[in-house]
Amino acid sequence: MKKYRVSKIKNNSNPISDANWKEAVILNEFSYPWQHKISNQTRFRALYDNTYLYLRYDVEDDMVQIYTETGKKNDVVYSDRVEIFFRKNKQLEPYYCLEIDPNGLVLDYAASYYRKFDFEWAWPKNHLFVTGTINPKGYRVDVTISLKSLQDLGLLHNNIIEAGIFRADCIELPKDCGGEASIKWISWVNPKSKAPDFHIPSSFGILELIA
């Protein structure tokens, strides 16, 4: 399994300051597993302290597309977005998903194998904080997750979190309500499946919290 090392924040006066982010490892090993071309740049960083896990995505996208027809969290599935899935075990029984559009709208849901989704589920209240910012090069998403929620959900064991890190690059929004968006799928780990699918065990890697 691929591994990303999450550094602990040394200066906690402002945990997500630019100075702290400069100390984070930049993960840019993203690709289109189902396309024979180089993907637009995606940079992922993570840090942690005694209370929170901090995630940052910097996405290059010359045509940011956001679906806003209903104003509900399921709009996210038709938009440009970044994603992170957390699994409790290799059997994906269960796993938890966060999909976030460039404005910071979150689609959070629980799931079990295979593709049994519970969209009524939500991340524990006051344990998840998200912002999204569109910029001239694309967009940035910042995510703060409490370590307590990760522990309570059974996702943090001995400083190890098993996670899949993804991006949906929206090429075209749905032409009408009920239609489908045209998406190119980007992943840190190549799941090596014939068809695009992140909801399988082979799409996950490891986030290791180091001192």
Protein backbone atom coordinates (compact mmCIF):
# COMPACT_ATOMS: atom_id res chain seq x y z
CA MET A 1 0.00 0.00 0.00
CA LYS A 2 1.17 3.51 -0.75
CA LYS A 3 2.00 5.55 2.35
CA TYR A 4 1.88 9.28 3.08
CA ARG A 5 3.59 10.56 6.23
CA VAL A 6 1.60 13.19 8.16
CA SER A 7 3.86 15.53 10.14
CA LYS A 8 2.92 16.82 13.59
CA ILE A 9 2.57 20.57 13.93
CA LYS A 10 5.33 22.13 16.03
CA ASN A 11 3.90 25.66 16.27
CA ASN A 12 0.31 25.31 17.37
CA SER A 13 -0.54 29.02 17.81
CA ASN A 14 -1.96 28.98 14.28
CA PRO A 15 -2.08 25.32 13.18
CA ILE A 16 -2.77 25.95 9.50
CA SER A 17 -0.44 28.90 8.99
CA ASP A 18 1.61 29.11 5.80
CA ALA A 19 4.73 28.37 7.87
CA ASN A 20 3.26 25.09 9.10
CA TRP A 21 2.02 24.07 5.66
CA LYS A 22 5.54 24.55 4.33
CA GLU A 23 6.62 21.76 6.68
CA ALA A 24 4.04 19.33 5.28
CA VAL A 25 4.98 16.73 2.68
CA ILE A 26 3.46 17.58 -0.70
CA LEU A 27 1.74 14.61 -2.29
CA ASN A 28 1.36 15.07 -6.04
CA GLU A 29 1.38 11.45 -7.22
CA PHE A 30 -2.05 11.69 -8.81
CA SER A 31 -3.07 10.25 -12.16
CA TYR A 32 -5.97 9.32 -14.42
CA PRO A 33 -6.04 5.54 -13.88
CA TRP A 34 -8.45 5.09 -16.79
CA GLN A 35 -7.03 7.66 -19.22
CA HIS A 36 -3.83 7.58 -21.26
CA LYS A 37 -2.88 11.16 -20.45
CA ILE A 38 -1.34 13.24 -17.69
CA SER A 39 -3.83 14.69 -15.23
CA ASN A 40 -4.02 18.32 -14.18
CA GLN A 41 -1.92 19.00 -11.11
CA THR A 42 -3.35 18.04 -7.73
CA ARG A 43 -1.40 18.70 -4.55
CA PHE A 44 -2.43 17.19 -1.23
CA ARG A 45 -0.97 18.00 2.17
CA ALA A 46 -1.81 16.83 5.69
CA LEU A 47 -0.76 17.85 9.18
CA TYR A 48 -1.99 16.99 12.66
CA ASP A 49 -1.79 18.08 16.27
CA ASN A 50 -3.19 16.63 19.50
CA THR A 51 -6.75 17.48 18.50
CA TYR A 52 -7.18 17.63 14.75
CA LEU A 53 -6.12 16.22 11.41
CA TYR A 54 -5.71 18.99 8.82
CA LEU A 55 -6.00 18.34 5.09
CA ARG A 56 -5.33 20.67 2.18
CA TYR A 57 -5.96 20.19 -1.53
CA ASP A 58 -4.58 22.58 -4.15
CA VAL A 59 -6.13 21.84 -7.51
CA GLU A 60 -5.18 23.22 -10.91
CA ASP A 61 -8.25 23.55 -13.09
CA ASP A 62 -8.76 26.07 -15.89
CA MET A 63 -12.52 25.49 -15.93
CA VAL A 64 -13.97 25.04 -12.44
CA GLN A 65 -17.50 23.66 -12.72
CA ILE A 66 -19.99 23.61 -9.84
CA TYR A 67 -23.53 22.25 -9.95
CA THR A 68 -25.93 24.29 -7.81
CA GLU A 69 -29.40 23.26 -8.99
CA THR A 70 -30.88 21.96 -5.72
CA GLY A 71 -28.68 23.49 -3.03
CA LYS A 72 -28.47 20.08 -1.34
CA LYS A 73 -25.35 18.11 -0.57
CA ASN A 74 -25.93 15.66 -3.43
CA ASP A 75 -25.20 18.50 -5.89
CA VAL A 76 -21.56 17.70 -5.19
CA VAL A 77 -21.67 14.51 -7.32
CA TYR A 78 -22.12 16.59 -10.48
CA SER A 79 -19.33 19.09 -9.74
CA ASP A 80 -15.59 19.40 -9.70
CA ARG A 81 -14.55 18.06 -6.33
CA VAL A 82 -11.93 16.45 -4.13
CA GLU A 83 -12.61 13.31 -2.14
CA ILE A 84 -11.26 11.31 0.76
CA PHE A 85 -12.58 7.93 1.87
CA PHE A 86 -11.70 6.39 5.23
CA ARG A 87 -12.06 2.66 5.84
CA LYS A 88 -12.39 0.79 9.11
CA ASN A 89 -11.02 -2.44 7.65
CA LYS A 90 -9.96 -4.02 4.38
CA GLN A 91 -13.43 -5.46 3.87
CA LEU A 92 -14.88 -1.92 3.71
CA GLU A 93 -17.32 -2.81 6.47
CA PRO A 94 -17.90 0.08 6.86
CA TYR A 95 -16.15 3.04 5.26
CA TYR A 96 -16.87 6.76 5.29
CA CYS A 97 -16.70 9.25 2.45
CA LEU A 98 -16.20 12.99 2.13
CA GLU A 99 -16.65 14.62 -1.28
CA ILE A 100 -16.13 18.39 -1.36
CA ASP A 101 -16.77 20.90 -4.14
CA PRO A 102 -14.68 24.07 -4.74
CA ASN A 103 -17.08 26.16 -2.66
CA GLY A 104 -16.69 23.84 0.34
CA LEU A 105 -20.04 22.05 0.06
CA VAL A 106 -19.64 18.59 1.60
CA LEU A 107 -21.28 15.34 0.58
CA ASP A 108 -20.67 13.06 3.56
CA TYR A 109 -22.00 9.52 3.71
CA ALA A 110 -21.37 6.09 5.15
CA ALA A 111 -20.99 3.02 2.96
CA SER A 112 -20.33 -0.69 2.97
CA TYR A 113 -19.11 -3.04 0.29
CA TYR A 114 -20.25 -3.13 -2.43
CA ARG A 115 -21.50 0.43 -3.07
CA LYS A 116 -24.18 0.34 -0.37
CA PHE A 117 -24.50 4.04 0.39
CA ASP A 118 -26.20 5.74 3.32
CA PHE A 119 -26.62 9.39 2.33
CA GLU A 120 -28.63 10.13 5.47
CA TRP A 121 -25.48 9.65 7.55
CA ALA A 122 -23.42 12.72 8.42
CA TRP A 123 -20.00 13.21 9.95
CA PRO A 124 -20.36 13.85 13.71
CA LYS A 125 -21.44 17.43 14.30
CA ASN A 126 -18.72 19.93 15.27
CA HIS A 127 -15.99 17.45 14.33
CA LEU A 128 -15.63 18.43 10.66
CA PHE A 129 -14.83 21.89 9.28
CA VAL A 130 -14.37 22.68 5.59
CA THR A 131 -13.61 25.73 3.45
CA GLY A 132 -13.31 26.00 -0.31
CA THR A 133 -11.73 28.85 -2.26
CA ILE A 134 -11.69 29.39 -6.02
CA ASN A 135 -8.54 31.09 -7.32
CA PRO A 136 -7.08 32.02 -10.74
CA LYS A 137 -5.36 28.63 -11.09
CA GLY A 138 -8.25 26.46 -9.89
CA TYR A 139 -9.34 25.98 -6.31
CA ARG A 140 -8.23 25.05 -2.80
CA VAL A 141 -10.06 22.99 -0.20
CA ASP A 142 -9.13 22.90 3.49
CA VAL A 143 -10.51 20.22 5.80
CA THR A 144 -10.20 19.94 9.58
CA ILE A 145 -11.28 16.65 11.20
CA SER A 146 -11.14 15.92 14.91
CA LEU A 147 -9.00 12.97 15.92
CA LYS A 148 -11.75 12.03 18.35
CA SER A 149 -14.24 11.49 15.53
CA LEU A 150 -11.72 9.36 13.65
CA GLN A 151 -11.13 7.29 16.78
CA ASP A 152 -14.84 6.98 17.58
CA LEU A 153 -15.52 5.75 14.04
CA GLY A 154 -12.72 3.20 14.34
CA LEU A 155 -10.57 4.83 11.67
CA LEU A 156 -7.42 5.67 13.64
CA HIS A 157 -5.28 2.79 14.91
CA ASN A 158 -1.72 3.18 16.21
CA ASN A 159 -1.30 6.45 14.30
CA ILE A 160 -2.44 4.80 11.04
CA ILE A 161 -5.41 5.90 8.93
CA GLU A 162 -6.31 3.94 5.81
CA ALA A 163 -7.62 6.38 3.23
CA GLY A 164 -8.28 6.84 -0.45
CA ILE A 165 -7.55 10.29 -1.88
CA PHE A 166 -9.30 11.22 -5.09
CA ARG A 167 -10.44 14.01 -7.36
CA ALA A 168 -13.30 14.31 -9.82
CA ASP A 169 -12.40 16.58 -12.73
CA CYS A 170 -15.73 17.74 -14.16
CA ILE A 171 -15.52 18.25 -17.92
CA GLU A 172 -19.17 19.08 -18.47
CA LEU A 173 -22.09 19.72 -16.12
CA PRO A 174 -25.39 17.86 -16.65
CA LYS A 175 -27.39 19.29 -19.53
CA ASP A 176 -30.61 19.03 -17.55
CA CYS A 177 -31.89 18.06 -14.12
CA GLY A 178 -31.47 14.32 -13.67
CA GLY A 179 -28.70 14.13 -16.26
CA GLU A 180 -25.12 13.01 -15.76
CA ALA A 181 -21.96 15.08 -15.52
CA SER A 182 -18.94 14.19 -17.64
CA ILE A 183 -16.16 13.33 -15.18
CA LYS A 184 -12.51 12.34 -15.45
CA TRP A 185 -11.42 10.43 -12.36
CA ILE A 186 -8.10 11.13 -10.63
CA SER A 187 -6.57 9.02 -7.85
CA TRP A 188 -3.51 8.78 -5.63
CA VAL A 189 -3.59 4.97 -5.75
CA ASN A 190 -4.32 3.19 -9.02
CA PRO A 191 -7.09 0.72 -8.14
CA LYS A 192 -6.27 -1.30 -11.27
CA SER A 193 -9.91 -1.90 -12.03
CA LYS A 194 -11.23 -2.12 -15.59
CA ALA A 195 -13.86 0.57 -15.05
CA PRO A 196 -13.61 3.72 -12.92
CA ASP A 197 -14.31 2.72 -9.32
CA PHE A 198 -12.95 4.04 -6.02
CA HIS A 199 -15.33 1.98 -3.86
CA ILE A 200 -13.06 -1.05 -3.79
CA PRO A 201 -10.28 -2.12 -1.38
CA SER A 202 -7.47 -1.57 -3.88
CA SER A 203 -8.08 2.20 -4.04
CA PHE A 204 -6.79 2.88 -0.51
CA GLY A 205 -3.42 3.87 0.89
CA ILE A 206 -2.07 4.73 4.34
CA LEU A 207 -1.79 8.04 6.18
CA GLU A 208 0.81 7.62 8.93
CA LEU A 209 0.90 10.19 11.73
CA ILE A 210 4.51 10.71 12.72
CA ALA A 211 5.93 12.61 15.70
